[in-house]
Amino acid sequence: MIANSLLLLFGVMIVVLLLLLIVAIIRHAIDSSRTSQKIDLLTDEVRMLRKELGRQKQHHIDTQV
Protein backbone atom coordinates (compact mmCIF):
# COMPACT_ATOMS: atom_id res chain seq x y z
CA MET A 1 0.00 0.00 0.00
CA ILE A 2 2.73 2.45 0.96
CA ALA A 3 4.78 1.40 -2.08
CA ASN A 4 1.85 2.17 -4.39
CA SER A 5 1.40 5.59 -2.79
CA LEU A 6 5.09 6.37 -3.15
CA LEU A 7 5.06 5.19 -6.76
CA LEU A 8 2.05 7.38 -7.51
CA LEU A 9 3.67 10.37 -5.81
CA PHE A 10 6.89 9.79 -7.75
CA GLY A 11 4.93 9.55 -11.01
CA VAL A 12 3.08 12.80 -10.32
CA MET A 13 6.37 14.54 -9.51
CA ILE A 14 7.89 13.35 -12.79
CA VAL A 15 4.86 14.59 -14.76
CA VAL A 16 5.05 17.99 -13.07
CA LEU A 17 8.78 18.27 -13.78
CA LEU A 18 8.23 17.32 -17.42
CA LEU A 19 5.51 19.95 -17.77
CA LEU A 20 7.78 22.59 -16.24
CA LEU A 21 10.55 21.58 -18.64
CA ILE A 22 8.21 21.84 -21.63
CA VAL A 23 7.00 25.26 -20.48
CA ALA A 24 10.60 26.46 -20.07
CA ILE A 25 11.53 25.23 -23.56
CA ILE A 26 8.53 26.91 -25.18
CA ARG A 27 9.13 30.13 -23.27
CA HIS A 28 12.77 30.19 -24.32
CA ALA A 29 11.78 29.62 -27.95
CA ILE A 30 9.34 32.53 -27.85
CA ASP A 31 11.84 34.84 -26.15
CA SER A 32 14.64 33.96 -28.54
CA SER A 33 12.43 34.58 -31.59
CA ARG A 34 11.98 38.18 -30.44
CA THR A 35 8.30 37.99 -31.34
CA SER A 36 7.22 39.94 -28.28
CA GLN A 37 9.68 42.72 -29.10
CA LYS A 38 8.31 42.94 -32.64
CA ILE A 39 4.75 43.07 -31.31
CA ASP A 40 5.72 45.86 -28.90
CA LEU A 41 7.29 47.79 -31.77
CA LEU A 42 4.17 47.37 -33.93
CA THR A 43 1.94 48.40 -31.03
CA ASP A 44 3.95 51.60 -30.53
CA GLU A 45 3.77 52.31 -34.26
CA VAL A 46 -0.01 51.88 -34.31
CA ARG A 47 -0.34 54.12 -31.24
CA MET A 48 1.72 56.86 -32.92
CA LEU A 49 -0.32 56.58 -36.12
CA ARG A 50 -3.56 56.91 -34.17
CA LYS A 51 -2.27 60.07 -32.49
CA GLU A 52 -1.21 61.45 -35.86
CA LEU A 53 -4.62 60.70 -37.38
CA GLY A 54 -6.34 62.27 -34.38
CA ARG A 55 -4.33 65.45 -34.84
CA GLN A 56 -5.02 65.55 -38.56
CA LYS A 57 -8.73 64.97 -38.01
CA GLN A 58 -8.85 67.76 -35.40
CA HIS A 59 -6.92 70.09 -37.72
CA HIS A 60 -9.29 69.22 -40.59
CA ILE A 61 -12.32 70.00 -38.41
CA ASP A 62 -10.76 73.31 -37.32
CA THR A 63 -10.10 74.39 -40.93
CA GLN A 64 -13.69 73.58 -41.98
CA VAL A 65 -15.16 75.70 -39.17
PDB file of N, CA and C in Angstrom:
ATOM      1  N   MET A   1       0.821  -1.191   0.000  1.00  0.00           N
ATOM      2  CA  MET A   1       0.000   0.000   0.000  1.00  0.00           C
ATOM      3  C   MET A   1       0.866   1.256   0.000  1.00  0.00           C
ATOM      4  N   ILE A   2       1.852   1.292   0.888  1.00  0.00           N
ATOM      5  CA  ILE A   2       2.735   2.453   0.961  1.00  0.00           C
ATOM      6  C   ILE A   2       3.576   2.555  -0.311  1.00  0.00           C
ATOM      7  N   ALA A   3       3.981   1.415  -0.856  1.00  0.00           N
ATOM      8  CA  ALA A   3       4.779   1.398  -2.081  1.00  0.00           C
ATOM      9  C   ALA A   3       3.982   1.973  -3.244  1.00  0.00           C
ATOM     10  N   ASN A   4       2.699   1.634  -3.322  1.00  0.00           N
ATOM     11  CA  ASN A   4       1.850   2.171  -4.386  1.00  0.00           C
ATOM     12  C   ASN A   4       1.690   3.681  -4.255  1.00  0.00           C
ATOM     13  N   SER A   5       1.544   4.161  -3.023  1.00  0.00           N
ATOM     14  CA  SER A   5       1.401   5.594  -2.792  1.00  0.00           C
ATOM     15  C   SER A   5       2.682   6.330  -3.172  1.00  0.00           C
ATOM     16  N   LEU A   6       3.816   5.750  -2.799  1.00  0.00           N
ATOM     17  CA  LEU A   6       5.087   6.374  -3.155  1.00  0.00           C
ATOM     18  C   LEU A   6       5.302   6.372  -4.660  1.00  0.00           C
ATOM     19  N   LEU A   7       4.928   5.294  -5.307  1.00  0.00           N
ATOM     20  CA  LEU A   7       5.058   5.191  -6.757  1.00  0.00           C
ATOM     21  C   LEU A   7       4.165   6.219  -7.449  1.00  0.00           C
ATOM     22  N   LEU A   8       2.965   6.385  -6.961  1.00  0.00           N
ATOM     23  CA  LEU A   8       2.045   7.378  -7.506  1.00  0.00           C
ATOM     24  C   LEU A   8       2.593   8.785  -7.299  1.00  0.00           C
ATOM     25  N   LEU A   9       3.091   9.068  -6.108  1.00  0.00           N
ATOM     26  CA  LEU A   9       3.674  10.373  -5.810  1.00  0.00           C
ATOM     27  C   LEU A   9       4.876  10.643  -6.706  1.00  0.00           C
ATOM     28  N   PHE A  10       5.723   9.652  -6.885  1.00  0.00           N
ATOM     29  CA  PHE A  10       6.891   9.785  -7.750  1.00  0.00           C
ATOM     30  C   PHE A  10       6.464  10.041  -9.192  1.00  0.00           C
ATOM     31  N   GLY A  11       5.437   9.351  -9.656  1.00  0.00           N
ATOM     32  CA  GLY A  11       4.928   9.551 -11.015  1.00  0.00           C
ATOM     33  C   GLY A  11       4.378  10.948 -11.212  1.00  0.00           C
ATOM     34  N   VAL A  12       3.639  11.446 -10.232  1.00  0.00           N
ATOM     35  CA  VAL A  12       3.084  12.798 -10.319  1.00  0.00           C
ATOM     36  C   VAL A  12       4.217  13.828 -10.341  1.00  0.00           C
ATOM     37  N   MET A  13       5.241  13.617  -9.530  1.00  0.00           N
ATOM     38  CA  MET A  13       6.371  14.544  -9.513  1.00  0.00           C
ATOM     39  C   MET A  13       7.087  14.567 -10.869  1.00  0.00           C
ATOM     40  N   ILE A  14       7.241  13.413 -11.487  1.00  0.00           N
ATOM     41  CA  ILE A  14       7.891  13.346 -12.790  1.00  0.00           C
ATOM     42  C   ILE A  14       7.053  14.086 -13.839  1.00  0.00           C
ATOM     43  N   VAL A  15       5.743  13.893 -13.802  1.00  0.00           N
ATOM     44  CA  VAL A  15       4.863  14.587 -14.759  1.00  0.00           C
ATOM     45  C   VAL A  15       4.956  16.088 -14.576  1.00  0.00           C
ATOM     46  N   VAL A  16       4.943  16.560 -13.334  1.00  0.00           N
ATOM     47  CA  VAL A  16       5.046  17.995 -13.066  1.00  0.00           C
ATOM     48  C   VAL A  16       6.385  18.535 -13.562  1.00  0.00           C
ATOM     49  N   LEU A  17       7.466  17.818 -13.308  1.00  0.00           N
ATOM     50  CA  LEU A  17       8.779  18.270 -13.784  1.00  0.00           C
ATOM     51  C   LEU A  17       8.849  18.307 -15.304  1.00  0.00           C
ATOM     52  N   LEU A  18       8.256  17.324 -15.957  1.00  0.00           N
ATOM     53  CA  LEU A  18       8.230  17.321 -17.423  1.00  0.00           C
ATOM     54  C   LEU A  18       7.428  18.494 -17.965  1.00  0.00           C
ATOM     55  N   LEU A  19       6.308  18.797 -17.339  1.00  0.00           N
ATOM     56  CA  LEU A  19       5.511  19.946 -17.766  1.00  0.00           C
ATOM     57  C   LEU A  19       6.279  21.255 -17.582  1.00  0.00           C
ATOM     58  N   LEU A  20       6.972  21.384 -16.462  1.00  0.00           N
ATOM     59  CA  LEU A  20       7.779  22.590 -16.242  1.00  0.00           C
ATOM     60  C   LEU A  20       8.897  22.702 -17.269  1.00  0.00           C
ATOM     61  N   LEU A  21       9.499  21.587 -17.619  1.00  0.00           N
ATOM     62  CA  LEU A  21      10.547  21.581 -18.637  1.00  0.00           C
ATOM     63  C   LEU A  21       9.997  21.999 -19.999  1.00  0.00           C
ATOM     64  N   ILE A  22       8.837  21.475 -20.358  1.00  0.00           N
ATOM     65  CA  ILE A  22       8.214  21.836 -21.627  1.00  0.00           C
ATOM     66  C   ILE A  22       7.868  23.323 -21.654  1.00  0.00           C
ATOM     67  N   VAL A  23       7.326  23.840 -20.567  1.00  0.00           N
ATOM     68  CA  VAL A  23       6.998  25.263 -20.482  1.00  0.00           C
ATOM     69  C   VAL A  23       8.259  26.112 -20.635  1.00  0.00           C
ATOM     70  N   ALA A  24       9.342  25.707 -19.982  1.00  0.00           N
ATOM     71  CA  ALA A  24      10.598  26.458 -20.073  1.00  0.00           C
ATOM     72  C   ALA A  24      11.137  26.441 -21.500  1.00  0.00           C
ATOM     73  N   ILE A  25      11.041  25.315 -22.180  1.00  0.00           N
ATOM     74  CA  ILE A  25      11.533  25.227 -23.558  1.00  0.00           C
ATOM     75  C   ILE A  25      10.699  26.119 -24.481  1.00  0.00           C
ATOM     76  N   ILE A  26       9.396  26.071 -24.338  1.00  0.00           N
ATOM     77  CA  ILE A  26       8.530  26.908 -25.181  1.00  0.00           C
ATOM     78  C   ILE A  26       8.764  28.377 -24.900  1.00  0.00           C
ATOM     79  N   ARG A  27       8.900  28.726 -23.634  1.00  0.00           N
ATOM     80  CA  ARG A  27       9.125  30.133 -23.272  1.00  0.00           C
ATOM     81  C   ARG A  27      10.452  30.636 -23.828  1.00  0.00           C
ATOM     82  N   HIS A  28      11.472  29.811 -23.763  1.00  0.00           N
ATOM     83  CA  HIS A  28      12.774  30.186 -24.315  1.00  0.00           C
ATOM     84  C   HIS A  28      12.687  30.374 -25.828  1.00  0.00           C
ATOM     85  N   ALA A  29      11.939  29.506 -26.496  1.00  0.00           N
ATOM     86  CA  ALA A  29      11.784  29.624 -27.947  1.00  0.00           C
ATOM     87  C   ALA A  29      11.077  30.916 -28.320  1.00  0.00           C
ATOM     88  N   ILE A  30      10.057  31.281 -27.566  1.00  0.00           N
ATOM     89  CA  ILE A  30       9.337  32.527 -27.849  1.00  0.00           C
ATOM     90  C   ILE A  30      10.234  33.731 -27.587  1.00  0.00           C
ATOM     91  N   ASP A  31      10.960  33.721 -26.481  1.00  0.00           N
ATOM     92  CA  ASP A  31      11.838  34.844 -26.151  1.00  0.00           C
ATOM     93  C   ASP A  31      12.969  34.985 -27.159  1.00  0.00           C
ATOM     94  N   SER A  32      13.514  33.878 -27.613  1.00  0.00           N
ATOM     95  CA  SER A  32      14.636  33.960 -28.542  1.00  0.00           C
ATOM     96  C   SER A  32      14.189  34.351 -29.944  1.00  0.00           C
ATOM     97  N   SER A  33      12.911  34.185 -30.265  1.00  0.00           N
ATOM     98  CA  SER A  33      12.433  34.577 -31.590  1.00  0.00           C
ATOM     99  C   SER A  33      12.165  36.080 -31.664  1.00  0.00           C
ATOM    100  N   ARG A  34      12.191  36.745 -30.545  1.00  0.00           N
ATOM    101  CA  ARG A  34      11.978  38.185 -30.440  1.00  0.00           C
ATOM    102  C   ARG A  34      10.599  38.617 -30.946  1.00  0.00           C
ATOM    103  N   THR A  35       9.658  37.685 -30.893  1.00  0.00           N
ATOM    104  CA  THR A  35       8.303  37.989 -31.344  1.00  0.00           C
ATOM    105  C   THR A  35       7.666  39.064 -30.476  1.00  0.00           C
ATOM    106  N   SER A  36       7.847  38.954 -29.174  1.00  0.00           N
ATOM    107  CA  SER A  36       7.224  39.938 -28.284  1.00  0.00           C
ATOM    108  C   SER A  36       7.803  41.326 -28.501  1.00  0.00           C
ATOM    109  N   GLN A  37       9.084  41.419 -28.812  1.00  0.00           N
ATOM    110  CA  GLN A  37       9.683  42.724 -29.101  1.00  0.00           C
ATOM    111  C   GLN A  37       9.107  43.314 -30.379  1.00  0.00           C
ATOM    112  N   LYS A  38       8.887  42.470 -31.385  1.00  0.00           N
ATOM    113  CA  LYS A  38       8.310  42.944 -32.639  1.00  0.00           C
ATOM    114  C   LYS A  38       6.875  43.412 -32.426  1.00  0.00           C
ATOM    115  N   ILE A  39       6.125  42.673 -31.601  1.00  0.00           N
ATOM    116  CA  ILE A  39       4.747  43.069 -31.315  1.00  0.00           C
ATOM    117  C   ILE A  39       4.723  44.396 -30.570  1.00  0.00           C
ATOM    118  N   ASP A  40       5.630  44.588 -29.620  1.00  0.00           N
ATOM    119  CA  ASP A  40       5.717  45.864 -28.904  1.00  0.00           C
ATOM    120  C   ASP A  40       6.027  47.012 -29.869  1.00  0.00           C
ATOM    121  N   LEU A  41       6.941  46.772 -30.790  1.00  0.00           N
ATOM    122  CA  LEU A  41       7.294  47.787 -31.774  1.00  0.00           C
ATOM    123  C   LEU A  41       6.092  48.135 -32.652  1.00  0.00           C
ATOM    124  N   LEU A  42       5.358  47.127 -33.104  1.00  0.00           N
ATOM    125  CA  LEU A  42       4.173  47.373 -33.927  1.00  0.00           C
ATOM    126  C   LEU A  42       3.084  48.096 -33.134  1.00  0.00           C
ATOM    127  N   THR A  43       2.929  47.737 -31.877  1.00  0.00           N
ATOM    128  CA  THR A  43       1.937  48.405 -31.031  1.00  0.00           C
ATOM    129  C   THR A  43       2.265  49.879 -30.873  1.00  0.00           C
ATOM    130  N   ASP A  44       3.530  50.206 -30.639  1.00  0.00           N
ATOM    131  CA  ASP A  44       3.945  51.599 -30.530  1.00  0.00           C
ATOM    132  C   ASP A  44       3.707  52.351 -31.840  1.00  0.00           C
ATOM    133  N   GLU A  45       3.982  51.686 -32.959  1.00  0.00           N
ATOM    134  CA  GLU A  45       3.770  52.309 -34.262  1.00  0.00           C
ATOM    135  C   GLU A  45       2.290  52.615 -34.496  1.00  0.00           C
ATOM    136  N   VAL A  46       1.428  51.670 -34.154  1.00  0.00           N
ATOM    137  CA  VAL A  46      -0.013  51.884 -34.307  1.00  0.00           C
ATOM    138  C   VAL A  46      -0.481  53.010 -33.399  1.00  0.00           C
ATOM    139  N   ARG A  47       0.036  53.060 -32.182  1.00  0.00           N
ATOM    140  CA  ARG A  47      -0.337  54.119 -31.241  1.00  0.00           C
ATOM    141  C   ARG A  47       0.064  55.494 -31.786  1.00  0.00           C
ATOM    142  N   MET A  48       1.272  55.590 -32.349  1.00  0.00           N
ATOM    143  CA  MET A  48       1.723  56.864 -32.922  1.00  0.00           C
ATOM    144  C   MET A  48       0.874  57.254 -34.129  1.00  0.00           C
ATOM    145  N   LEU A  49       0.520  56.284 -34.954  1.00  0.00           N
ATOM    146  CA  LEU A  49      -0.317  56.581 -36.116  1.00  0.00           C
ATOM    147  C   LEU A  49      -1.705  57.055 -35.700  1.00  0.00           C
ATOM    148  N   ARG A  50      -2.259  56.459 -34.658  1.00  0.00           N
ATOM    149  CA  ARG A  50      -3.564  56.908 -34.170  1.00  0.00           C
ATOM    150  C   ARG A  50      -3.503  58.353 -33.667  1.00  0.00           C
ATOM    151  N   LYS A  51      -2.433  58.684 -32.956  1.00  0.00           N
ATOM    152  CA  LYS A  51      -2.274  60.067 -32.490  1.00  0.00           C
ATOM    153  C   LYS A  51      -2.168  61.011 -33.662  1.00  0.00           C
ATOM    154  N   GLU A  52      -1.392  60.621 -34.665  1.00  0.00           N
ATOM    155  CA  GLU A  52      -1.214  61.453 -35.856  1.00  0.00           C
ATOM    156  C   GLU A  52      -2.548  61.649 -36.575  1.00  0.00           C
ATOM    157  N   LEU A  53      -3.313  60.580 -36.731  1.00  0.00           N
ATOM    158  CA  LEU A  53      -4.619  60.697 -37.382  1.00  0.00           C
ATOM    159  C   LEU A  53      -5.573  61.556 -36.560  1.00  0.00           C
ATOM    160  N   GLY A  54      -5.510  61.440 -35.244  1.00  0.00           N
ATOM    161  CA  GLY A  54      -6.342  62.273 -34.380  1.00  0.00           C
ATOM    162  C   GLY A  54      -6.017  63.742 -34.537  1.00  0.00           C
ATOM    163  N   ARG A  55      -4.733  64.051 -34.640  1.00  0.00           N
ATOM    164  CA  ARG A  55      -4.327  65.450 -34.838  1.00  0.00           C
ATOM    165  C   ARG A  55      -4.781  65.961 -36.202  1.00  0.00           C
ATOM    166  N   GLN A  56      -4.625  65.136 -37.220  1.00  0.00           N
ATOM    167  CA  GLN A  56      -5.021  65.550 -38.563  1.00  0.00           C
ATOM    168  C   GLN A  56      -6.531  65.736 -38.644  1.00  0.00           C
ATOM    169  N   LYS A  57      -7.279  64.849 -37.999  1.00  0.00           N
ATOM    170  CA  LYS A  57      -8.734  64.966 -38.011  1.00  0.00           C
ATOM    171  C   LYS A  57      -9.151  66.255 -37.292  1.00  0.00           C
ATOM    172  N   GLN A  58      -8.537  66.546 -36.150  1.00  0.00           N
ATOM    173  CA  GLN A  58      -8.854  67.761 -35.402  1.00  0.00           C
ATOM    174  C   GLN A  58      -8.487  68.990 -36.233  1.00  0.00           C
ATOM    175  N   HIS A  59      -7.346  68.962 -36.897  1.00  0.00           N
ATOM    176  CA  HIS A  59      -6.915  70.092 -37.718  1.00  0.00           C
ATOM    177  C   HIS A  59      -7.891  70.278 -38.893  1.00  0.00           C
ATOM    178  N   HIS A  60      -8.345  69.170 -39.473  1.00  0.00           N
ATOM    179  CA  HIS A  60      -9.287  69.224 -40.591  1.00  0.00           C
ATOM    180  C   HIS A  60     -10.614  69.816 -40.143  1.00  0.00           C
ATOM    181  N   ILE A  61     -11.083  69.445 -38.941  1.00  0.00           N
ATOM    182  CA  ILE A  61     -12.318  69.999 -38.406  1.00  0.00           C
ATOM    183  C   ILE A  61     -12.166  71.483 -38.149  1.00  0.00           C
ATOM    184  N   ASP A  62     -11.021  71.909 -37.608  1.00  0.00           N
ATOM    185  CA  ASP A  62     -10.764  73.314 -37.325  1.00  0.00           C
ATOM    186  C   ASP A  62     -10.764  74.141 -38.612  1.00  0.00           C
ATOM    187  N   THR A  63     -10.179  73.614 -39.681  1.00  0.00           N
ATOM    188  CA  THR A  63     -10.103  74.385 -40.925  1.00  0.00           C
ATOM    189  C   THR A  63     -11.462  74.481 -41.596  1.00  0.00           C
ATOM    190  N   GLN A  64     -12.350  73.523 -41.382  1.00  0.00           N
ATOM    191  CA  GLN A  64     -13.685  73.584 -41.979  1.00  0.00           C
ATOM    192  C   GLN A  64     -14.567  74.590 -41.257  1.00  0.00           C
ATOM    193  N   VAL A  65     -14.337  74.781 -39.971  1.00  0.00           N
ATOM    194  CA  VAL A  65     -15.160  75.696 -39.175  1.00  0.00           C
ATOM    195  C   VAL A  65     -14.670  77.082 -39.432  1.00  0.00           C
TER     196      VAL A  65
END
